[in-house]
Amino acid sequence: MARWAVFAGLTALVLVLLLALARVSQVASHEAAPTNEAPASVSEHAEPEDHPESAPHQEAESRPDAEQRPEAERPKREPQEPASLSTGLLLANVALSQGLFLVVLLGSAWYTRIPLGALGAAPAINGFQELAVGVALGVGLYLANEIGSRAAKAVGIEVPEQLRESLAPDSTGGWVVLLGVVLPTIAVFEEFLFRAALVGAFSTGFSLSPWLLALLSSLAFALGHGAQGVLGMVVTGSLGFVLAGAFVVTGSLLVVVVAHYLINALEFAVNESSLG
């Protein structure tokens, strides 16, 4: 007999941990963002003000060696940029963290005896048809997202691309790891959590509306991508709802995993490789 409440608790724990890590990544990315603004309290070209009454006092406190040293010879402290992880370490961090969460979820589903059908993972009657639907859905969503992104840029709306650029490999081996390990791990984990567990299992185990769960899970999906900024969260949440709807209609985890993978893979291949 399936233990739905236990599985729901473990799923909620994974979701909370994921959103907490996403929040930490969002704060870190904002702090690491370069800025060209000088501190308000410092002005490189500020002219010294004349205060005759305080001049003797300032001269008494000044150091003799500082008075005699020319301005050009005085050491200047260069602004230091925050240290950032290399692309390889970022890819490894994403793959390991989401891979660990995926193992926990799969173990939870096995331990609590959740039926495969509730997760959209029952043996497919026509696997090739599900694969084809996933490919068509993924390509279609990628094209819609790409057209929307280019239209936004054309009218002067800034489209967040920092996260994608930071994960883009600079070697053939890096692309193999990204396309063959990292992106499949992300697609399987996120679809298992946000679609199979939060929509499929919860609707089956607790008799809740799958469309209501699709909406709520898409909001959580958007929050999990906070590092992409407000616009990125809106786009991601919208894509998440379409994927959740596809899961409800088809009842297939394979369809949404394939679609999710293709959206990410095409975005990287077109925008960050020599193909773009």
C-alpha atoms as a PDB file:
ATOM      1  CA  MET A   1       0.000   0.000   0.000  1.00  0.00           C
ATOM      2  CA  ALA A   2       1.341   3.394  -0.981  1.00  0.00           C
ATOM      3  CA  ARG A   3       2.263   5.759   1.837  1.00  0.00           C
ATOM      4  CA  TRP A   4       1.239   9.006   0.198  1.00  0.00           C
ATOM      5  CA  ALA A   5       1.720  11.239   3.243  1.00  0.00           C
ATOM      6  CA  VAL A   6       5.290  10.072   3.763  1.00  0.00           C
ATOM      7  CA  PHE A   7       6.115  10.614   0.101  1.00  0.00           C
ATOM      8  CA  ALA A   8       4.490  14.064   0.230  1.00  0.00           C
ATOM      9  CA  GLY A   9       6.616  15.017   3.234  1.00  0.00           C
ATOM     10  CA  LEU A  10       9.850  13.850   1.626  1.00  0.00           C
ATOM     11  CA  THR A  11       8.950  15.623  -1.619  1.00  0.00           C
ATOM     12  CA  ALA A  12       8.193  18.831   0.268  1.00  0.00           C
ATOM     13  CA  LEU A  13      11.557  18.574   2.030  1.00  0.00           C
ATOM     14  CA  VAL A  14      13.392  18.250  -1.287  1.00  0.00           C
ATOM     15  CA  LEU A  15      11.424  21.189  -2.692  1.00  0.00           C
ATOM     16  CA  VAL A  16      12.255  23.417   0.280  1.00  0.00           C
ATOM     17  CA  LEU A  17      15.944  22.530   0.073  1.00  0.00           C
ATOM     18  CA  LEU A  18      15.955  23.187  -3.671  1.00  0.00           C
ATOM     19  CA  LEU A  19      14.293  26.592  -3.288  1.00  0.00           C
ATOM     20  CA  ALA A  20      16.703  27.495  -0.482  1.00  0.00           C
ATOM     21  CA  LEU A  21      19.692  26.653  -2.682  1.00  0.00           C
ATOM     22  CA  ALA A  22      18.129  28.621  -5.529  1.00  0.00           C
ATOM     23  CA  ARG A  23      17.780  31.626  -3.236  1.00  0.00           C
ATOM     24  CA  VAL A  24      21.423  31.360  -2.164  1.00  0.00           C
ATOM     25  CA  SER A  25      22.479  31.166  -5.827  1.00  0.00           C
ATOM     26  CA  GLN A  26      20.341  34.191  -6.642  1.00  0.00           C
ATOM     27  CA  VAL A  27      21.955  36.292  -3.905  1.00  0.00           C
ATOM     28  CA  ALA A  28      25.439  35.105  -4.873  1.00  0.00           C
ATOM     29  CA  SER A  29      24.908  35.944  -8.539  1.00  0.00           C
ATOM     30  CA  HIS A  30      23.739  39.447  -7.677  1.00  0.00           C
ATOM     31  CA  GLU A  31      26.730  40.052  -5.396  1.00  0.00           C
ATOM     32  CA  ALA A  32      29.122  38.756  -8.061  1.00  0.00           C
ATOM     33  CA  ALA A  33      27.647  40.940 -10.785  1.00  0.00           C
ATOM     34  CA  PRO A  34      30.210  43.572 -11.891  1.00  0.00           C
ATOM     35  CA  THR A  35      29.362  47.187 -11.315  1.00  0.00           C
ATOM     36  CA  ASN A  36      30.839  50.337 -12.807  1.00  0.00           C
ATOM     37  CA  GLU A  37      29.513  52.635 -10.138  1.00  0.00           C
ATOM     38  CA  ALA A  38      32.040  54.201  -7.809  1.00  0.00           C
ATOM     39  CA  PRO A  39      31.233  54.280  -4.080  1.00  0.00           C
ATOM     40  CA  ALA A  40      29.268  57.335  -3.138  1.00  0.00           C
ATOM     41  CA  SER A  41      31.778  58.262  -0.417  1.00  0.00           C
ATOM     42  CA  VAL A  42      34.754  58.247  -2.794  1.00  0.00           C
ATOM     43  CA  SER A  43      35.355  60.561  -5.749  1.00  0.00           C
ATOM     44  CA  GLU A  44      38.498  60.246  -7.790  1.00  0.00           C
ATOM     45  CA  HIS A  45      38.229  63.742  -9.193  1.00  0.00           C
ATOM     46  CA  ALA A  46      36.910  65.517  -6.131  1.00  0.00           C
ATOM     47  CA  GLU A  47      38.645  68.840  -5.503  1.00  0.00           C
ATOM     48  CA  PRO A  48      39.884  69.502  -1.973  1.00  0.00           C
ATOM     49  CA  GLU A  49      37.759  71.980  -0.086  1.00  0.00           C
ATOM     50  CA  ASP A  50      39.337  75.018   1.532  1.00  0.00           C
ATOM     51  CA  HIS A  51      38.866  75.152   5.278  1.00  0.00           C
ATOM     52  CA  PRO A  52      41.404  77.652   6.586  1.00  0.00           C
ATOM     53  CA  GLU A  53      40.415  77.134  10.192  1.00  0.00           C
ATOM     54  CA  SER A  54      41.006  73.369  10.098  1.00  0.00           C
ATOM     55  CA  ALA A  55      44.173  73.469   7.998  1.00  0.00           C
ATOM     56  CA  PRO A  56      46.644  73.619  10.929  1.00  0.00           C
ATOM     57  CA  HIS A  57      44.891  70.727  12.576  1.00  0.00           C
ATOM     58  CA  GLN A  58      45.027  68.613   9.416  1.00  0.00           C
ATOM     59  CA  GLU A  59      48.718  69.369   8.918  1.00  0.00           C
ATOM     60  CA  ALA A  60      49.480  68.306  12.475  1.00  0.00           C
ATOM     61  CA  GLU A  61      47.812  64.962  11.939  1.00  0.00           C
ATOM     62  CA  SER A  62      49.326  64.256   8.506  1.00  0.00           C
ATOM     63  CA  ARG A  63      52.293  61.947   8.213  1.00  0.00           C
ATOM     64  CA  PRO A  64      55.553  63.503   6.960  1.00  0.00           C
ATOM     65  CA  ASP A  65      56.314  60.664   4.583  1.00  0.00           C
ATOM     66  CA  ALA A  66      52.889  60.976   2.997  1.00  0.00           C
ATOM     67  CA  GLU A  67      53.509  64.731   2.419  1.00  0.00           C
ATOM     68  CA  GLN A  68      56.845  64.160   0.720  1.00  0.00           C
ATOM     69  CA  ARG A  69      55.792  61.179  -1.460  1.00  0.00           C
ATOM     70  CA  PRO A  70      54.533  62.216  -4.922  1.00  0.00           C
ATOM     71  CA  GLU A  71      50.929  61.349  -5.681  1.00  0.00           C
ATOM     72  CA  ALA A  72      51.939  59.085  -8.580  1.00  0.00           C
ATOM     73  CA  GLU A  73      54.131  56.945  -6.307  1.00  0.00           C
ATOM     74  CA  ARG A  74      51.485  56.317  -3.690  1.00  0.00           C
ATOM     75  CA  PRO A  75      50.145  52.760  -3.867  1.00  0.00           C
ATOM     76  CA  LYS A  76      46.606  52.484  -5.099  1.00  0.00           C
ATOM     77  CA  ARG A  77      44.325  49.682  -4.036  1.00  0.00           C
ATOM     78  CA  GLU A  78      42.831  48.013  -7.067  1.00  0.00           C
ATOM     79  CA  PRO A  79      39.196  46.923  -6.794  1.00  0.00           C
ATOM     80  CA  GLN A  80      38.974  43.176  -6.495  1.00  0.00           C
ATOM     81  CA  GLU A  81      36.234  41.215  -8.207  1.00  0.00           C
ATOM     82  CA  PRO A  82      34.620  38.408  -6.254  1.00  0.00           C
ATOM     83  CA  ALA A  83      36.009  34.986  -7.003  1.00  0.00           C
ATOM     84  CA  SER A  84      33.850  32.870  -9.273  1.00  0.00           C
ATOM     85  CA  LEU A  85      33.742  29.167  -9.933  1.00  0.00           C
ATOM     86  CA  SER A  86      35.038  27.837 -13.215  1.00  0.00           C
ATOM     87  CA  THR A  87      32.572  26.515 -15.771  1.00  0.00           C
ATOM     88  CA  GLY A  88      33.628  22.941 -15.015  1.00  0.00           C
ATOM     89  CA  LEU A  89      33.003  23.348 -11.303  1.00  0.00           C
ATOM     90  CA  LEU A  90      29.645  24.983 -11.950  1.00  0.00           C
ATOM     91  CA  LEU A  91      28.588  22.102 -14.196  1.00  0.00           C
ATOM     92  CA  ALA A  92      29.768  19.564 -11.627  1.00  0.00           C
ATOM     93  CA  ASN A  93      27.925  21.411  -8.847  1.00  0.00           C
ATOM     94  CA  VAL A  94      24.664  21.458 -10.812  1.00  0.00           C
ATOM     95  CA  ALA A  95      24.922  17.803 -11.836  1.00  0.00           C
ATOM     96  CA  LEU A  96      25.839  16.566  -8.357  1.00  0.00           C
ATOM     97  CA  SER A  97      23.270  18.620  -6.445  1.00  0.00           C
ATOM     98  CA  GLN A  98      20.353  17.836  -8.728  1.00  0.00           C
ATOM     99  CA  GLY A  99      21.516  14.263  -9.163  1.00  0.00           C
ATOM    100  CA  LEU A 100      21.524  13.841  -5.375  1.00  0.00           C
ATOM    101  CA  PHE A 101      18.026  15.277  -5.110  1.00  0.00           C
ATOM    102  CA  LEU A 102      16.886  12.926  -7.876  1.00  0.00           C
ATOM    103  CA  VAL A 103      18.270   9.896  -6.034  1.00  0.00           C
ATOM    104  CA  VAL A 104      16.443  10.994  -2.876  1.00  0.00           C
ATOM    105  CA  LEU A 105      13.160  11.369  -4.746  1.00  0.00           C
ATOM    106  CA  LEU A 106      13.501   8.048  -6.547  1.00  0.00           C
ATOM    107  CA  GLY A 107      14.363   6.353  -3.268  1.00  0.00           C
ATOM    108  CA  SER A 108      11.386   8.006  -1.600  1.00  0.00           C
ATOM    109  CA  ALA A 109       9.027   6.832  -4.345  1.00  0.00           C
ATOM    110  CA  TRP A 110      10.363   3.271  -4.033  1.00  0.00           C
ATOM    111  CA  TYR A 111      10.274   3.283  -0.233  1.00  0.00           C
ATOM    112  CA  THR A 112       6.711   4.593  -0.073  1.00  0.00           C
ATOM    113  CA  ARG A 113       5.554   2.267  -2.899  1.00  0.00           C
ATOM    114  CA  ILE A 114       4.176   5.004  -5.142  1.00  0.00           C
ATOM    115  CA  PRO A 115       2.619   3.399  -8.258  1.00  0.00           C
ATOM    116  CA  LEU A 116       4.540   4.071 -11.446  1.00  0.00           C
ATOM    117  CA  GLY A 117       1.340   5.102 -13.167  1.00  0.00           C
ATOM    118  CA  ALA A 118       0.851   7.969 -10.700  1.00  0.00           C
ATOM    119  CA  LEU A 119       4.287   9.273 -11.658  1.00  0.00           C
ATOM    120  CA  GLY A 120       3.663   8.965 -15.391  1.00  0.00           C
ATOM    121  CA  ALA A 121       6.327   6.286 -15.561  1.00  0.00           C
ATOM    122  CA  ALA A 122       4.238   3.201 -16.342  1.00  0.00           C
ATOM    123  CA  PRO A 123       5.558   1.056 -19.196  1.00  0.00           C
ATOM    124  CA  ALA A 124       4.701   2.880 -22.386  1.00  0.00           C
ATOM    125  CA  ILE A 125       2.334   1.223 -24.833  1.00  0.00           C
ATOM    126  CA  ASN A 126       3.845   3.231 -27.674  1.00  0.00           C
ATOM    127  CA  GLY A 127       7.159   4.670 -26.560  1.00  0.00           C
ATOM    128  CA  PHE A 128       8.041   6.025 -29.999  1.00  0.00           C
ATOM    129  CA  GLN A 129       4.845   8.037 -30.093  1.00  0.00           C
ATOM    130  CA  GLU A 130       5.586   9.562 -26.671  1.00  0.00           C
ATOM    131  CA  LEU A 131       9.121  10.326 -27.790  1.00  0.00           C
ATOM    132  CA  ALA A 132       7.834  12.046 -30.932  1.00  0.00           C
ATOM    133  CA  VAL A 133       5.363  14.118 -28.913  1.00  0.00           C
ATOM    134  CA  GLY A 134       8.148  15.151 -26.555  1.00  0.00           C
ATOM    135  CA  VAL A 135      10.406  16.180 -29.440  1.00  0.00           C
ATOM    136  CA  ALA A 136       7.653  18.207 -31.101  1.00  0.00           C
ATOM    137  CA  LEU A 137       6.723  19.886 -27.817  1.00  0.00           C
ATOM    138  CA  GLY A 138      10.339  20.682 -26.938  1.00  0.00           C
ATOM    139  CA  VAL A 139      11.177  22.163 -30.331  1.00  0.00           C
ATOM    140  CA  GLY A 140       7.959  24.173 -30.352  1.00  0.00           C
ATOM    141  CA  LEU A 141       8.542  25.618 -26.884  1.00  0.00           C
ATOM    142  CA  TYR A 142      12.152  26.427 -27.725  1.00  0.00           C
ATOM    143  CA  LEU A 143      11.106  28.301 -30.875  1.00  0.00           C
ATOM    144  CA  ALA A 144       8.423  30.232 -28.981  1.00  0.00           C
ATOM    145  CA  ASN A 145      10.908  31.131 -26.250  1.00  0.00           C
ATOM    146  CA  GLU A 146      13.585  32.164 -28.751  1.00  0.00           C
ATOM    147  CA  ILE A 147      11.208  34.333 -30.766  1.00  0.00           C
ATOM    148  CA  GLY A 148       9.943  35.982 -27.599  1.00  0.00           C
ATOM    149  CA  SER A 149      13.489  36.602 -26.372  1.00  0.00           C
ATOM    150  CA  ARG A 150      14.580  38.231 -29.622  1.00  0.00           C
ATOM    151  CA  ALA A 151      11.423  40.340 -29.748  1.00  0.00           C
ATOM    152  CA  ALA A 152      12.087  41.546 -26.201  1.00  0.00           C
ATOM    153  CA  LYS A 153      15.649  42.509 -27.119  1.00  0.00           C
ATOM    154  CA  ALA A 154      14.400  44.368 -30.195  1.00  0.00           C
ATOM    155  CA  VAL A 155      12.256  46.669 -28.057  1.00  0.00           C
ATOM    156  CA  GLY A 156      14.995  47.237 -25.497  1.00  0.00           C
ATOM    157  CA  ILE A 157      13.971  44.753 -22.808  1.00  0.00           C
ATOM    158  CA  GLU A 158      16.971  43.167 -21.125  1.00  0.00           C
ATOM    159  CA  VAL A 159      16.853  39.383 -21.285  1.00  0.00           C
ATOM    160  CA  PRO A 160      18.783  37.610 -18.492  1.00  0.00           C
ATOM    161  CA  GLU A 161      21.525  35.429 -19.982  1.00  0.00           C
ATOM    162  CA  GLN A 162      24.182  35.470 -17.258  1.00  0.00           C
ATOM    163  CA  LEU A 163      23.356  32.014 -15.899  1.00  0.00           C
ATOM    164  CA  ARG A 164      23.414  30.361 -19.321  1.00  0.00           C
ATOM    165  CA  GLU A 165      26.674  32.091 -20.235  1.00  0.00           C
ATOM    166  CA  SER A 166      28.313  31.002 -16.970  1.00  0.00           C
ATOM    167  CA  LEU A 167      27.469  27.353 -17.709  1.00  0.00           C
ATOM    168  CA  ALA A 168      28.455  27.442 -21.388  1.00  0.00           C
ATOM    169  CA  PRO A 169      31.476  25.149 -21.998  1.00  0.00           C
ATOM    170  CA  ASP A 170      34.582  26.304 -23.835  1.00  0.00           C
ATOM    171  CA  SER A 171      35.792  22.872 -24.964  1.00  0.00           C
ATOM    172  CA  THR A 172      34.499  19.800 -26.779  1.00  0.00           C
ATOM    173  CA  GLY A 173      34.705  17.743 -23.607  1.00  0.00           C
ATOM    174  CA  GLY A 174      32.715  20.369 -21.771  1.00  0.00           C
ATOM    175  CA  TRP A 175      29.946  20.210 -24.365  1.00  0.00           C
ATOM    176  CA  VAL A 176      29.854  16.421 -24.076  1.00  0.00           C
ATOM    177  CA  VAL A 177      29.424  16.707 -20.303  1.00  0.00           C
ATOM    178  CA  LEU A 178      26.815  19.452 -20.619  1.00  0.00           C
ATOM    179  CA  LEU A 179      24.671  17.754 -23.281  1.00  0.00           C
ATOM    180  CA  GLY A 180      25.238  14.187 -22.135  1.00  0.00           C
ATOM    181  CA  VAL A 181      25.221  14.471 -18.340  1.00  0.00           C
ATOM    182  CA  VAL A 182      24.224  17.843 -16.892  1.00  0.00           C
ATOM    183  CA  LEU A 183      21.191  18.727 -19.024  1.00  0.00           C
ATOM    184  CA  PRO A 184      19.697  15.195 -18.911  1.00  0.00           C
ATOM    185  CA  THR A 185      20.097  15.191 -15.118  1.00  0.00           C
ATOM    186  CA  ILE A 186      18.387  18.573 -14.845  1.00  0.00           C
ATOM    187  CA  ALA A 187      15.520  17.506 -17.128  1.00  0.00           C
ATOM    188  CA  VAL A 188      14.867  14.208 -15.353  1.00  0.00           C
ATOM    189  CA  PHE A 189      15.095  15.673 -11.845  1.00  0.00           C
ATOM    190  CA  GLU A 190      12.995  18.778 -12.432  1.00  0.00           C
ATOM    191  CA  GLU A 191      10.297  16.913 -14.341  1.00  0.00           C
ATOM    192  CA  PHE A 192      10.175  14.164 -11.729  1.00  0.00           C
ATOM    193  CA  LEU A 193       9.808  16.724  -8.935  1.00  0.00           C
ATOM    194  CA  PHE A 194       7.606  19.408 -10.473  1.00  0.00           C
ATOM    195  CA  ARG A 195       5.473  17.251 -12.735  1.00  0.00           C
ATOM    196  CA  ALA A 196       5.558  13.575 -11.708  1.00  0.00           C
ATOM    197  CA  ALA A 197       5.588  14.086  -7.928  1.00  0.00           C
ATOM    198  CA  LEU A 198       3.875  17.435  -7.325  1.00  0.00           C
ATOM    199  CA  VAL A 199       1.215  16.928 -10.019  1.00  0.00           C
ATOM    200  CA  GLY A 200       0.901  13.227 -10.769  1.00  0.00           C
ATOM    201  CA  ALA A 201       1.452  11.643  -7.358  1.00  0.00           C
ATOM    202  CA  PHE A 202      -0.297  14.362  -5.362  1.00  0.00           C
ATOM    203  CA  SER A 203      -3.391  14.348  -7.594  1.00  0.00           C
ATOM    204  CA  THR A 204      -3.615  10.550  -7.405  1.00  0.00           C
ATOM    205  CA  GLY A 205      -2.850  10.157  -3.725  1.00  0.00           C
ATOM    206  CA  PHE A 206      -4.874  13.072  -2.354  1.00  0.00           C
ATOM    207  CA  SER A 207      -7.632  13.404  -5.001  1.00  0.00           C
ATOM    208  CA  LEU A 208      -6.625  16.983  -5.855  1.00  0.00           C
ATOM    209  CA  SER A 209      -7.214  18.758  -9.144  1.00  0.00           C
ATOM    210  CA  PRO A 210      -4.221  18.109 -11.405  1.00  0.00           C
ATOM    211  CA  TRP A 211      -4.683  21.521 -13.033  1.00  0.00           C
ATOM    212  CA  LEU A 212      -4.559  23.285  -9.673  1.00  0.00           C
ATOM    213  CA  LEU A 213      -1.420  21.327  -8.835  1.00  0.00           C
ATOM    214  CA  ALA A 214      -0.014  22.196 -12.274  1.00  0.00           C
ATOM    215  CA  LEU A 215      -0.455  25.887 -11.468  1.00  0.00           C
ATOM    216  CA  LEU A 216       1.054  25.639  -7.988  1.00  0.00           C
ATOM    217  CA  SER A 217       3.981  23.510  -9.146  1.00  0.00           C
ATOM    218  CA  SER A 218       4.696  26.006 -11.944  1.00  0.00           C
ATOM    219  CA  LEU A 219       4.893  28.821  -9.392  1.00  0.00           C
ATOM    220  CA  ALA A 220       7.391  26.769  -7.402  1.00  0.00           C
ATOM    221  CA  PHE A 221       9.239  25.991 -10.643  1.00  0.00           C
ATOM    222  CA  ALA A 222       9.529  29.726 -11.332  1.00  0.00           C
ATOM    223  CA  LEU A 223      10.825  30.429  -7.816  1.00  0.00           C
ATOM    224  CA  GLY A 224      13.445  27.744  -8.307  1.00  0.00           C
ATOM    225  CA  HIS A 225      14.875  29.807 -11.180  1.00  0.00           C
ATOM    226  CA  GLY A 226      15.159  33.081  -9.277  1.00  0.00           C
ATOM    227  CA  ALA A 227      18.760  33.534 -10.407  1.00  0.00           C
ATOM    228  CA  GLN A 228      17.375  34.398 -13.872  1.00  0.00           C
ATOM    229  CA  GLY A 229      15.649  37.534 -12.592  1.00  0.00           C
ATOM    230  CA  VAL A 230      11.988  38.524 -12.625  1.00  0.00           C
ATOM    231  CA  LEU A 231      11.584  38.188 -16.392  1.00  0.00           C
ATOM    232  CA  GLY A 232      13.339  34.835 -16.348  1.00  0.00           C
ATOM    233  CA  MET A 233      11.038  33.613 -13.583  1.00  0.00           C
ATOM    234  CA  VAL A 234       7.947  34.662 -15.551  1.00  0.00           C
ATOM    235  CA  VAL A 235       9.165  32.878 -18.686  1.00  0.00           C
ATOM    236  CA  THR A 236      10.240  29.790 -16.753  1.00  0.00           C
ATOM    237  CA  GLY A 237       6.958  29.627 -14.868  1.00  0.00           C
ATOM    238  CA  SER A 238       5.027  29.869 -18.125  1.00  0.00           C
ATOM    239  CA  LEU A 239       7.089  27.100 -19.716  1.00  0.00           C
ATOM    240  CA  GLY A 240       6.620  25.048 -16.568  1.00  0.00           C
ATOM    241  CA  PHE A 241       2.850  25.374 -16.768  1.00  0.00           C
ATOM    242  CA  VAL A 242       2.841  24.243 -20.403  1.00  0.00           C
ATOM    243  CA  LEU A 243       4.963  21.228 -19.461  1.00  0.00           C
ATOM    244  CA  ALA A 244       2.668  20.494 -16.514  1.00  0.00           C
ATOM    245  CA  GLY A 245      -0.332  20.690 -18.837  1.00  0.00           C
ATOM    246  CA  ALA A 246       1.348  18.300 -21.249  1.00  0.00           C
ATOM    247  CA  PHE A 247       1.960  15.906 -18.368  1.00  0.00           C
ATOM    248  CA  VAL A 248      -1.694  16.061 -17.309  1.00  0.00           C
ATOM    249  CA  VAL A 249      -2.937  15.488 -20.850  1.00  0.00           C
ATOM    250  CA  THR A 250      -0.508  12.727 -21.855  1.00  0.00           C
ATOM    251  CA  GLY A 251       0.121  11.169 -18.456  1.00  0.00           C
ATOM    252  CA  SER A 252       3.688  10.583 -19.596  1.00  0.00           C
ATOM    253  CA  LEU A 253       6.865  11.568 -17.778  1.00  0.00           C
ATOM    254  CA  LEU A 254       8.879  10.708 -20.893  1.00  0.00           C
ATOM    255  CA  VAL A 255       7.124  13.388 -22.958  1.00  0.00           C
ATOM    256  CA  VAL A 256       7.974  16.241 -20.602  1.00  0.00           C
ATOM    257  CA  VAL A 257      11.521  15.038 -19.882  1.00  0.00           C
ATOM    258  CA  VAL A 258      12.330  14.955 -23.598  1.00  0.00           C
ATOM    259  CA  ALA A 259      10.720  18.360 -24.149  1.00  0.00           C
ATOM    260  CA  HIS A 260      12.545  19.904 -21.181  1.00  0.00           C
ATOM    261  CA  TYR A 261      15.885  18.545 -22.347  1.00  0.00           C
ATOM    262  CA  LEU A 262      15.437  19.846 -25.888  1.00  0.00           C
ATOM    263  CA  ILE A 263      14.483  23.340 -24.707  1.00  0.00           C
ATOM    264  CA  ASN A 264      17.701  23.623 -22.703  1.00  0.00           C
ATOM    265  CA  ALA A 265      19.942  21.854 -25.211  1.00  0.00           C
ATOM    266  CA  LEU A 266      18.772  23.935 -28.174  1.00  0.00           C
ATOM    267  CA  GLU A 267      19.112  27.142 -26.201  1.00  0.00           C
ATOM    268  CA  PHE A 268      22.732  26.366 -25.356  1.00  0.00           C
ATOM    269  CA  ALA A 269      23.599  25.017 -28.805  1.00  0.00           C
ATOM    270  CA  VAL A 270      22.142  27.957 -30.718  1.00  0.00           C
ATOM    271  CA  ASN A 271      23.188  30.808 -28.434  1.00  0.00           C
ATOM    272  CA  GLU A 272      26.477  29.662 -26.905  1.00  0.00           C
ATOM    273  CA  SER A 273      28.137  27.431 -29.495  1.00  0.00           C
ATOM    274  CA  SER A 274      29.566  28.184 -32.936  1.00  0.00           C
ATOM    275  CA  LEU A 275      26.123  27.410 -34.332  1.00  0.00           C
ATOM    276  CA  GLY A 276      24.723  30.640 -32.875  1.00  0.00           C
END
